[in-house]
C-alpha atoms as a PDB file:
ATOM      1  CA  MET A   1     -16.070   3.858 -24.762  1.00  0.00           C
ATOM      2  CA  ARG A   2     -19.070   1.548 -25.453  1.00  0.00           C
ATOM      3  CA  TRP A   3     -20.620   1.481 -28.709  1.00  0.00           C
ATOM      4  CA  CYS A   4     -24.747   0.947 -28.606  1.00  0.00           C
ATOM      5  CA  CYS A   5     -25.216   0.550 -32.172  1.00  0.00           C
ATOM      6  CA  THR A   6     -23.009  -0.166 -35.176  1.00  0.00           C
ATOM      7  CA  TRP A   7     -22.112   2.660 -37.605  1.00  0.00           C
ATOM      8  CA  ALA A   8     -20.130   1.214 -40.094  1.00  0.00           C
ATOM      9  CA  ALA A   9     -20.085   3.807 -42.687  1.00  0.00           C
ATOM     10  CA  LEU A  10     -19.145   6.751 -40.246  1.00  0.00           C
ATOM     11  CA  LEU A  11     -16.473   4.706 -38.443  1.00  0.00           C
ATOM     12  CA  ALA A  12     -15.080   4.187 -41.783  1.00  0.00           C
ATOM     13  CA  ALA A  13     -15.222   8.041 -42.660  1.00  0.00           C
ATOM     14  CA  LEU A  14     -13.709   8.761 -39.389  1.00  0.00           C
ATOM     15  CA  ALA A  15     -10.791   6.475 -39.968  1.00  0.00           C
ATOM     16  CA  VAL A  16      -9.619   8.018 -42.883  1.00  0.00           C
ATOM     17  CA  ALA A  17     -10.038  11.671 -41.581  1.00  0.00           C
ATOM     18  CA  ALA A  18      -8.761  11.119 -38.013  1.00  0.00           C
ATOM     19  CA  PRO A  19      -5.107   9.757 -36.794  1.00  0.00           C
ATOM     20  CA  LEU A  20      -5.107   6.304 -35.434  1.00  0.00           C
ATOM     21  CA  ARG A  21      -6.046   5.918 -31.454  1.00  0.00           C
ATOM     22  CA  ALA A  22      -2.827   5.793 -29.655  1.00  0.00           C
ATOM     23  CA  GLN A  23      -2.565   2.431 -27.593  1.00  0.00           C
ATOM     24  CA  PRO A  24      -3.339   2.105 -23.988  1.00  0.00           C
ATOM     25  CA  ALA A  25      -0.238   3.743 -21.936  1.00  0.00           C
ATOM     26  CA  GLY A  26       2.256   1.289 -20.861  1.00  0.00           C
ATOM     27  CA  ASP A  27       3.245   0.749 -17.525  1.00  0.00           C
ATOM     28  CA  ASP A  28       6.316   3.133 -17.594  1.00  0.00           C
ATOM     29  CA  ALA A  29       3.672   5.683 -18.772  1.00  0.00           C
ATOM     30  CA  LEU A  30       1.634   5.339 -15.967  1.00  0.00           C
ATOM     31  CA  VAL A  31       4.312   5.748 -13.341  1.00  0.00           C
ATOM     32  CA  ARG A  32       5.159   9.005 -15.182  1.00  0.00           C
ATOM     33  CA  ALA A  33       1.565  10.178 -15.083  1.00  0.00           C
ATOM     34  CA  LEU A  34       1.251   8.995 -11.423  1.00  0.00           C
ATOM     35  CA  VAL A  35       4.442  11.206 -10.605  1.00  0.00           C
ATOM     36  CA  LEU A  36       2.993  14.242 -12.293  1.00  0.00           C
ATOM     37  CA  ALA A  37      -0.461  13.540 -10.512  1.00  0.00           C
ATOM     38  CA  LEU A  38       1.321  13.333  -7.288  1.00  0.00           C
ATOM     39  CA  ARG A  39       3.826  16.415  -7.387  1.00  0.00           C
ATOM     40  CA  PRO A  40       0.982  18.999  -6.056  1.00  0.00           C
ATOM     41  CA  ALA A  41       0.024  16.836  -3.159  1.00  0.00           C
ATOM     42  CA  LEU A  42       3.735  15.987  -1.913  1.00  0.00           C
ATOM     43  CA  PRO A  43       6.026  19.082  -2.159  1.00  0.00           C
ATOM     44  CA  PHE A  44       8.615  17.811  -0.345  1.00  0.00           C
ATOM     45  CA  PRO A  45      12.298  18.208  -1.167  1.00  0.00           C
ATOM     46  CA  ALA A  46      14.183  15.299  -2.862  1.00  0.00           C
ATOM     47  CA  ALA A  47      15.814  12.450  -0.715  1.00  0.00           C
ATOM     48  CA  GLY A  48      19.156  11.278  -0.862  1.00  0.00           C
ATOM     49  CA  PRO A  49      20.681   7.682  -0.995  1.00  0.00           C
ATOM     50  CA  ASP A  50      20.415   7.541   2.869  1.00  0.00           C
ATOM     51  CA  GLY A  51      17.074   9.041   3.251  1.00  0.00           C
ATOM     52  CA  THR A  52      17.959  12.558   4.340  1.00  0.00           C
ATOM     53  CA  PRO A  53      17.594  15.562   2.318  1.00  0.00           C
ATOM     54  CA  ALA A  54      19.398  15.571  -0.930  1.00  0.00           C
ATOM     55  CA  SER A  55      20.484  19.151  -0.116  1.00  0.00           C
ATOM     56  CA  GLY A  56      21.216  18.533   3.439  1.00  0.00           C
ATOM     57  CA  GLY A  57      19.264  19.933   6.523  1.00  0.00           C
ATOM     58  CA  ALA A  58      17.276  18.867   9.473  1.00  0.00           C
ATOM     59  CA  GLN A  59      13.974  20.912   8.979  1.00  0.00           C
ATOM     60  CA  PRO A  60      12.052  19.120   6.241  1.00  0.00           C
ATOM     61  CA  VAL A  61       9.707  16.780   8.301  1.00  0.00           C
ATOM     62  CA  TRP A  62       9.392  14.689   5.111  1.00  0.00           C
ATOM     63  CA  VAL A  63      11.459  13.907   2.121  1.00  0.00           C
ATOM     64  CA  VAL A  64      10.285  12.054  -1.298  1.00  0.00           C
ATOM     65  CA  ARG A  65      11.965   9.503  -3.540  1.00  0.00           C
ATOM     66  CA  TRP A  66      10.475   9.881  -6.933  1.00  0.00           C
ATOM     67  CA  PRO A  67      10.828   6.588  -9.220  1.00  0.00           C
ATOM     68  CA  GLU A  68      13.850   6.792 -11.576  1.00  0.00           C
ATOM     69  CA  GLY A  69      13.040   6.262 -15.123  1.00  0.00           C
ATOM     70  CA  GLY A  70       9.144   4.915 -15.759  1.00  0.00           C
ATOM     71  CA  GLY A  71       9.470   2.189 -12.796  1.00  0.00           C
ATOM     72  CA  GLY A  72       9.145   1.803  -9.274  1.00  0.00           C
ATOM     73  CA  GLN A  73       6.857   3.467  -6.647  1.00  0.00           C
ATOM     74  CA  VAL A  74       6.932   6.978  -5.029  1.00  0.00           C
ATOM     75  CA  GLU A  75       8.166   6.717  -1.708  1.00  0.00           C
ATOM     76  CA  VAL A  76       7.882   9.652   1.062  1.00  0.00           C
ATOM     77  CA  LEU A  77      10.620   9.282   4.088  1.00  0.00           C
ATOM     78  CA  ALA A  78      10.511  10.961   7.591  1.00  0.00           C
ATOM     79  CA  ASN A  79      13.772  12.911   7.642  1.00  0.00           C
ATOM     80  CA  PRO A  80      15.856  10.947  10.312  1.00  0.00           C
ATOM     81  CA  LEU A  81      17.328  14.554  10.949  1.00  0.00           C
ATOM     82  CA  HIS A  82      14.157  16.497  11.927  1.00  0.00           C
ATOM     83  CA  PRO A  83      14.258  17.130  15.838  1.00  0.00           C
ATOM     84  CA  GLU A  84      10.562  15.465  16.031  1.00  0.00           C
ATOM     85  CA  ASN A  85      11.563  12.298  13.935  1.00  0.00           C
ATOM     86  CA  ARG A  86      14.559  11.580  16.159  1.00  0.00           C
ATOM     87  CA  GLU A  87      12.179  11.561  19.291  1.00  0.00           C
ATOM     88  CA  ARG A  88       9.570   9.340  17.856  1.00  0.00           C
ATOM     89  CA  ALA A  89      12.449   6.930  16.556  1.00  0.00           C
ATOM     90  CA  LEU A  90      14.025   6.667  20.167  1.00  0.00           C
ATOM     91  CA  ALA A  91      10.477   6.335  21.617  1.00  0.00           C
ATOM     92  CA  ALA A  92       9.678   3.867  19.295  1.00  0.00           C
ATOM     93  CA  GLU A  93      13.474   2.002  19.782  1.00  0.00           C
ATOM     94  CA  GLU A  94      12.621   1.719  23.742  1.00  0.00           C
ATOM     95  CA  ALA A  95       9.027  -0.035  23.198  1.00  0.00           C
ATOM     96  CA  ILE A  96      10.619  -2.412  20.172  1.00  0.00           C
ATOM     97  CA  GLN A  97      13.418  -3.589  22.421  1.00  0.00           C
ATOM     98  CA  LYS A  98      10.852  -4.332  25.505  1.00  0.00           C
ATOM     99  CA  ALA A  99       9.255  -6.176  22.659  1.00  0.00           C
ATOM    100  CA  ALA A 100      12.068  -8.060  21.439  1.00  0.00           C
ATOM    101  CA  MET A 101      13.092  -8.944  25.290  1.00  0.00           C
ATOM    102  CA  ARG A 102       9.670 -10.480  25.535  1.00  0.00           C
ATOM    103  CA  SER A 103      10.418 -12.549  22.440  1.00  0.00           C
ATOM    104  CA  GLN A 104      13.724 -13.789  23.442  1.00  0.00           C
ATOM    105  CA  ARG A 105      12.281 -14.840  27.068  1.00  0.00           C
ATOM    106  CA  ARG A 106       9.765 -17.011  25.280  1.00  0.00           C
ATOM    107  CA  SER A 107      12.074 -18.538  22.902  1.00  0.00           C
ATOM    108  CA  GLN A 108      14.533 -19.116  26.055  1.00  0.00           C
ATOM    109  CA  GLY A 109      11.471 -20.811  27.917  1.00  0.00           C
ATOM    110  CA  ASP A 110      10.501 -22.830  24.612  1.00  0.00           C
ATOM    111  CA  TYR A 111      13.911 -24.057  24.333  1.00  0.00           C
ATOM    112  CA  GLU A 112      14.075 -25.092  27.932  1.00  0.00           C
ATOM    113  CA  GLN A 113      10.707 -27.262  27.713  1.00  0.00           C
ATOM    114  CA  ALA A 114      12.373 -28.828  24.503  1.00  0.00           C
ATOM    115  CA  LEU A 115      15.233 -30.182  26.616  1.00  0.00           C
ATOM    116  CA  SER A 116      12.499 -31.282  29.104  1.00  0.00           C
ATOM    117  CA  ASP A 117      10.344 -32.952  26.560  1.00  0.00           C
ATOM    118  CA  PHE A 118      13.262 -34.539  24.818  1.00  0.00           C
ATOM    119  CA  ALA A 119      14.299 -36.113  28.232  1.00  0.00           C
ATOM    120  CA  ARG A 120      11.224 -37.275  28.685  1.00  0.00           C
ATOM    121  CA  THR A 121       9.792 -38.419  25.504  1.00  0.00           C
ATOM    122  CA  GLY A 122      12.964 -38.580  23.269  1.00  0.00           C
ATOM    123  CA  ARG A 123      10.947 -35.947  21.046  1.00  0.00           C
ATOM    124  CA  VAL A 124      11.963 -32.245  20.514  1.00  0.00           C
ATOM    125  CA  SER A 125       9.143 -29.546  20.730  1.00  0.00           C
ATOM    126  CA  ASN A 126       8.577 -26.664  18.800  1.00  0.00           C
ATOM    127  CA  ILE A 127      10.738 -23.905  19.562  1.00  0.00           C
ATOM    128  CA  ARG A 128       9.372 -20.534  18.190  1.00  0.00           C
ATOM    129  CA  GLU A 129      12.185 -18.321  16.442  1.00  0.00           C
ATOM    130  CA  ILE A 130      12.755 -14.862  17.102  1.00  0.00           C
ATOM    131  CA  SER A 131      11.922 -12.632  13.533  1.00  0.00           C
ATOM    132  CA  LEU A 132      11.568  -9.129  12.842  1.00  0.00           C
ATOM    133  CA  ASP A 133       7.733  -9.607  13.496  1.00  0.00           C
ATOM    134  CA  ASP A 134       8.903  -9.610  17.005  1.00  0.00           C
ATOM    135  CA  ASP A 135       9.310  -5.687  16.797  1.00  0.00           C
ATOM    136  CA  GLY A 136       5.470  -5.703  18.312  1.00  0.00           C
ATOM    137  CA  VAL A 137       2.796  -3.212  17.498  1.00  0.00           C
ATOM    138  CA  ALA A 138       4.998  -0.323  18.447  1.00  0.00           C
ATOM    139  CA  GLY A 139       7.606  -1.318  15.683  1.00  0.00           C
ATOM    140  CA  GLU A 140       4.746  -1.884  12.876  1.00  0.00           C
ATOM    141  CA  ARG A 141       3.499   1.380  13.978  1.00  0.00           C
ATOM    142  CA  TYR A 142       6.432   3.231  13.768  1.00  0.00           C
ATOM    143  CA  ASP A 143       7.539   2.017  10.460  1.00  0.00           C
ATOM    144  CA  ALA A 144       3.410   2.672   9.075  1.00  0.00           C
ATOM    145  CA  ASP A 145       3.787   5.857  10.107  1.00  0.00           C
ATOM    146  CA  SER A 146       7.599   7.299   9.009  1.00  0.00           C
ATOM    147  CA  HIS A 147       6.736   6.707   5.252  1.00  0.00           C
ATOM    148  CA  LEU A 148       4.430   6.761   2.571  1.00  0.00           C
ATOM    149  CA  LEU A 149       4.351   4.446  -0.632  1.00  0.00           C
ATOM    150  CA  VAL A 150       2.137   4.847  -3.708  1.00  0.00           C
ATOM    151  CA  SER A 151       2.440   2.629  -6.627  1.00  0.00           C
ATOM    152  CA  VAL A 152       0.079   2.215 -10.002  1.00  0.00           C
ATOM    153  CA  ALA A 153      -0.671  -0.580 -11.961  1.00  0.00           C
ATOM    154  CA  PRO A 154      -2.566  -1.651 -15.066  1.00  0.00           C
ATOM    155  CA  LEU A 155      -5.558  -3.821 -14.677  1.00  0.00           C
ATOM    156  CA  ASP A 156      -5.949  -6.304 -17.690  1.00  0.00           C
ATOM    157  CA  ASP A 157      -8.658  -8.155 -15.548  1.00  0.00           C
ATOM    158  CA  ASP A 158     -10.736  -7.744 -12.274  1.00  0.00           C
ATOM    159  CA  LEU A 159      -8.962  -6.148  -9.019  1.00  0.00           C
ATOM    160  CA  SER A 160      -8.253  -8.932  -6.552  1.00  0.00           C
ATOM    161  CA  PHE A 161      -6.481  -8.471  -3.261  1.00  0.00           C
ATOM    162  CA  SER A 162      -6.107  -9.299   0.546  1.00  0.00           C
ATOM    163  CA  VAL A 163      -5.493  -7.080   3.245  1.00  0.00           C
ATOM    164  CA  ALA A 164      -4.788  -7.715   7.113  1.00  0.00           C
ATOM    165  CA  THR A 165      -7.114  -5.754   9.220  1.00  0.00           C
ATOM    166  CA  GLY A 166      -9.210  -5.525  12.010  1.00  0.00           C
ATOM    167  CA  ILE A 167     -11.531  -3.082  10.556  1.00  0.00           C
ATOM    168  CA  PRO A 168     -13.151  -4.165   6.907  1.00  0.00           C
ATOM    169  CA  PRO A 169     -12.753  -1.759   4.121  1.00  0.00           C
ATOM    170  CA  ALA A 170     -14.841   1.011   3.182  1.00  0.00           C
ATOM    171  CA  VAL A 171     -15.783   1.566  -0.465  1.00  0.00           C
ATOM    172  CA  MET A 172     -16.730   4.805  -1.848  1.00  0.00           C
ATOM    173  CA  ASN A 173     -17.663   6.205  -5.328  1.00  0.00           C
ATOM    174  CA  GLY A 174     -14.974   8.333  -6.793  1.00  0.00           C
ATOM    175  CA  VAL A 175     -14.962  11.762  -7.457  1.00  0.00           C
ATOM    176  CA  ALA A 176     -13.509  13.553 -10.699  1.00  0.00           C
ATOM    177  CA  GLY A 177     -10.885  10.978 -11.145  1.00  0.00           C
ATOM    178  CA  PRO A 178     -11.186   7.217  -9.836  1.00  0.00           C
ATOM    179  CA  THR A 179     -14.186   5.516  -9.917  1.00  0.00           C
ATOM    180  CA  MET A 180     -13.862   3.728  -6.564  1.00  0.00           C
ATOM    181  CA  VAL A 181     -11.825   4.260  -3.579  1.00  0.00           C
ATOM    182  CA  ILE A 182     -11.225   1.513  -1.233  1.00  0.00           C
ATOM    183  CA  ARG A 183      -9.727   2.585   2.538  1.00  0.00           C
ATOM    184  CA  VAL A 184      -9.008   0.782   5.464  1.00  0.00           C
ATOM    185  CA  PRO A 185      -7.996   3.143   8.525  1.00  0.00           C
ATOM    186  CA  ALA A 186      -5.054   2.245  10.598  1.00  0.00           C
ATOM    187  CA  ASN A 187      -5.885   0.121  13.186  1.00  0.00           C
ATOM    188  CA  VAL A 188      -4.513  -2.826  15.771  1.00  0.00           C
ATOM    189  CA  TYR A 189      -5.569  -6.503  15.054  1.00  0.00           C
ATOM    190  CA  LYS A 190      -5.051  -9.693  16.992  1.00  0.00           C
ATOM    191  CA  VAL A 191      -4.016 -12.854  15.448  1.00  0.00           C
ATOM    192  CA  ALA A 192      -4.382 -16.029  17.262  1.00  0.00           C
ATOM    193  CA  ALA A 193      -1.430 -18.020  18.428  1.00  0.00           C
ATOM    194  CA  GLU A 194      -0.683 -21.575  19.477  1.00  0.00           C
ATOM    195  CA  ALA A 195      -2.715 -22.893  22.173  1.00  0.00           C
ATOM    196  CA  GLY A 196      -1.904 -21.700  25.387  1.00  0.00           C
ATOM    197  CA  ALA A 197      -0.565 -18.595  23.937  1.00  0.00           C
ATOM    198  CA  PRO A 198      -2.043 -14.854  24.056  1.00  0.00           C
ATOM    199  CA  ALA A 199      -2.912 -13.238  20.813  1.00  0.00           C
ATOM    200  CA  GLU A 200      -0.399 -11.560  19.130  1.00  0.00           C
ATOM    201  CA  GLU A 201      -1.349  -8.153  18.224  1.00  0.00           C
ATOM    202  CA  HIS A 202      -0.404  -6.446  15.096  1.00  0.00           C
ATOM    203  CA  TYR A 203      -0.567  -3.012  13.117  1.00  0.00           C
ATOM    204  CA  CYS A 204      -2.391  -2.369   9.930  1.00  0.00           C
ATOM    205  CA  ALA A 205      -0.986   1.040   8.395  1.00  0.00           C
ATOM    206  CA  GLU A 206      -3.657   3.402   6.548  1.00  0.00           C
ATOM    207  CA  GLN A 207      -4.163   2.083   3.448  1.00  0.00           C
ATOM    208  CA  ALA A 208      -6.321   3.222   0.070  1.00  0.00           C
ATOM    209  CA  TRP A 209      -6.652   1.721  -3.319  1.00  0.00           C
ATOM    210  CA  LEU A 210      -8.098   4.085  -6.129  1.00  0.00           C
ATOM    211  CA  VAL A 211      -9.703   2.162  -8.950  1.00  0.00           C
ATOM    212  CA  PHE A 212      -9.974   3.556 -12.503  1.00  0.00           C
ATOM    213  CA  GLY A 213     -12.008   2.072 -15.340  1.00  0.00           C
ATOM    214  CA  ASP A 214     -15.647   0.406 -15.675  1.00  0.00           C
ATOM    215  CA  ALA A 215     -15.695  -0.893 -12.460  1.00  0.00           C
ATOM    216  CA  GLY A 216     -18.684  -2.815 -10.698  1.00  0.00           C
ATOM    217  CA  VAL A 217     -19.657  -3.873  -6.853  1.00  0.00           C
ATOM    218  CA  ALA A 218     -16.694  -4.320  -4.872  1.00  0.00           C
ATOM    219  CA  VAL A 219     -16.858  -7.636  -2.885  1.00  0.00           C
ATOM    220  CA  ILE A 220     -15.811  -7.626   0.584  1.00  0.00           C
ATOM    221  CA  SER A 221     -15.035 -11.435   2.124  1.00  0.00           C
ATOM    222  CA  PRO A 222     -13.734 -11.417   5.563  1.00  0.00           C
ATOM    223  CA  ARG A 223     -11.838 -14.652   6.756  1.00  0.00           C
ATOM    224  CA  ALA A 224      -9.808 -15.985   9.069  1.00  0.00           C
ATOM    225  CA  GLY A 225      -6.759 -14.292  10.292  1.00  0.00           C
ATOM    226  CA  PRO A 226      -8.331 -11.723  10.497  1.00  0.00           C
ATOM    227  CA  GLN A 227      -7.845 -11.409   6.428  1.00  0.00           C
ATOM    228  CA  VAL A 228     -10.151  -9.583   4.400  1.00  0.00           C
ATOM    229  CA  ASP A 229     -10.512 -10.676   0.586  1.00  0.00           C
ATOM    230  CA  VAL A 230     -11.718  -8.054  -2.119  1.00  0.00           C
ATOM    231  CA  THR A 231     -12.451  -8.564  -5.593  1.00  0.00           C
ATOM    232  CA  VAL A 232     -13.635  -5.803  -7.781  1.00  0.00           C
ATOM    233  CA  PRO A 233     -15.150  -6.535 -11.153  1.00  0.00           C
ATOM    234  CA  VAL A 234     -13.508  -3.901 -14.083  1.00  0.00           C
ATOM    235  CA  ALA A 235     -14.907  -4.457 -17.578  1.00  0.00           C
ATOM    236  CA  ALA A 236     -12.319  -3.996 -20.273  1.00  0.00           C
ATOM    237  CA  ALA A 237     -12.502  -1.277 -23.030  1.00  0.00           C
ATOM    238  CA  PRO A 238     -12.734  -2.367 -26.172  1.00  0.00           C
ATOM    239  CA  GLY A 239      -9.101  -2.383 -27.806  1.00  0.00           C
ATOM    240  CA  GLY A 240      -7.720  -1.476 -24.420  1.00  0.00           C
ATOM    241  CA  ARG A 241      -7.079  -2.541 -20.703  1.00  0.00           C
ATOM    242  CA  ALA A 242      -9.256  -2.732 -17.859  1.00  0.00           C
ATOM    243  CA  GLY A 243      -8.055   0.249 -16.024  1.00  0.00           C
ATOM    244  CA  MET A 244      -5.486   0.715 -13.654  1.00  0.00           C
ATOM    245  CA  VAL A 245      -5.537   0.750  -9.729  1.00  0.00           C
ATOM    246  CA  VAL A 246      -3.255   3.228  -7.305  1.00  0.00           C
ATOM    247  CA  SER A 247      -2.157   1.771  -4.114  1.00  0.00           C
ATOM    248  CA  ILE A 248      -1.312   4.160  -0.944  1.00  0.00           C
ATOM    249  CA  SER A 249      -0.131   3.105   2.109  1.00  0.00           C
ATOM    250  CA  GLY A 250       1.660   4.511   5.352  1.00  0.00           C
ATOM    251  CA  ASN A 251       0.944   7.496   7.457  1.00  0.00           C
ATOM    252  CA  ALA A 252      -2.589   8.607   7.983  1.00  0.00           C
ATOM    253  CA  ALA A 253      -2.123  12.377   7.259  1.00  0.00           C
ATOM    254  CA  LEU A 254       0.082  11.651   4.060  1.00  0.00           C
ATOM    255  CA  VAL A 255      -2.692   9.178   2.615  1.00  0.00           C
ATOM    256  CA  GLU A 256      -5.312  11.731   3.162  1.00  0.00           C
ATOM    257  CA  GLN A 257      -2.973  14.397   1.712  1.00  0.00           C
ATOM    258  CA  ALA A 258      -2.265  12.518  -1.203  1.00  0.00           C
ATOM    259  CA  LEU A 259      -6.011  11.391  -1.904  1.00  0.00           C
ATOM    260  CA  ARG A 260      -7.191  15.292  -1.543  1.00  0.00           C
ATOM    261  CA  GLN A 261      -4.585  16.842  -3.328  1.00  0.00           C
ATOM    262  CA  ALA A 262      -3.228  14.880  -6.087  1.00  0.00           C
ATOM    263  CA  ASP A 263      -4.444  15.667  -9.425  1.00  0.00           C
ATOM    264  CA  TRP A 264      -6.135  12.228 -10.294  1.00  0.00           C
ATOM    265  CA  PRO A 265      -8.384  13.382 -13.306  1.00  0.00           C
ATOM    266  CA  ALA A 266      -4.989  13.932 -15.092  1.00  0.00           C
ATOM    267  CA  LEU A 267      -3.957  10.583 -14.069  1.00  0.00           C
ATOM    268  CA  ARG A 268      -7.133   9.163 -15.322  1.00  0.00           C
ATOM    269  CA  ALA A 269      -6.946  11.090 -18.520  1.00  0.00           C
ATOM    270  CA  ALA A 270      -3.137   9.467 -18.842  1.00  0.00           C
ATOM    271  CA  LEU A 271      -4.930   5.911 -19.146  1.00  0.00           C
ATOM    272  CA  ARG A 272      -6.444   6.450 -22.424  1.00  0.00           C
ATOM    273  CA  ASP A 273      -3.916   9.123 -23.578  1.00  0.00           C
END
């Protein structure tokens, strides 16, 4: 709250008549408030330790893992026992295996070239290693579409983050809760590879950031990668923190469901309770 003038006498009287204002909600309190806000939007059965429904069964498409205590994040998982999810996993596995085979052939070619270069010049050329990134777009898309992650963090200063995407973030005014919503749609983007190699494709999951607090104009700064830097100035309230940010990423339909059905006004109220 901003005071436009000084009413010393009135404030002194209120200090005697009213209880002291509570301190800004801590991290654990914000996580608990996030859980309460999300429960209407994520009415899924609880997940067991292995990601299957804790109560058993193959019917639920989704299961949810709520954070224990006050820390952690909310995680929604595709039930691996559900028939449609199993079909998606098998289809993705086939595409992932093809991408892995291409990576193995590439690495073998690098190895043979390195031997040739060493015999000719006495120097060893670079051999590209096989990593999880070699699952290709199919693997990255499957991972993104098979879960939802939601987390909350307090803001004691301006919000600043980077995202790898081929489509710039869109900034919208919040309604009845967050001050601002920043969204990136799911998309495939290309990253330049080494000289002579084709550009590598990657998958950007659906993402959203909900900014709570007295936020200014967001600054979107594209840079090479492709990478986009986002900065949002957030003014701190007297005696309190600047605000908070809720980050959501994963399955596009679930991101939309969380945005539309969660009780964001209640979460906003928790920031100051």
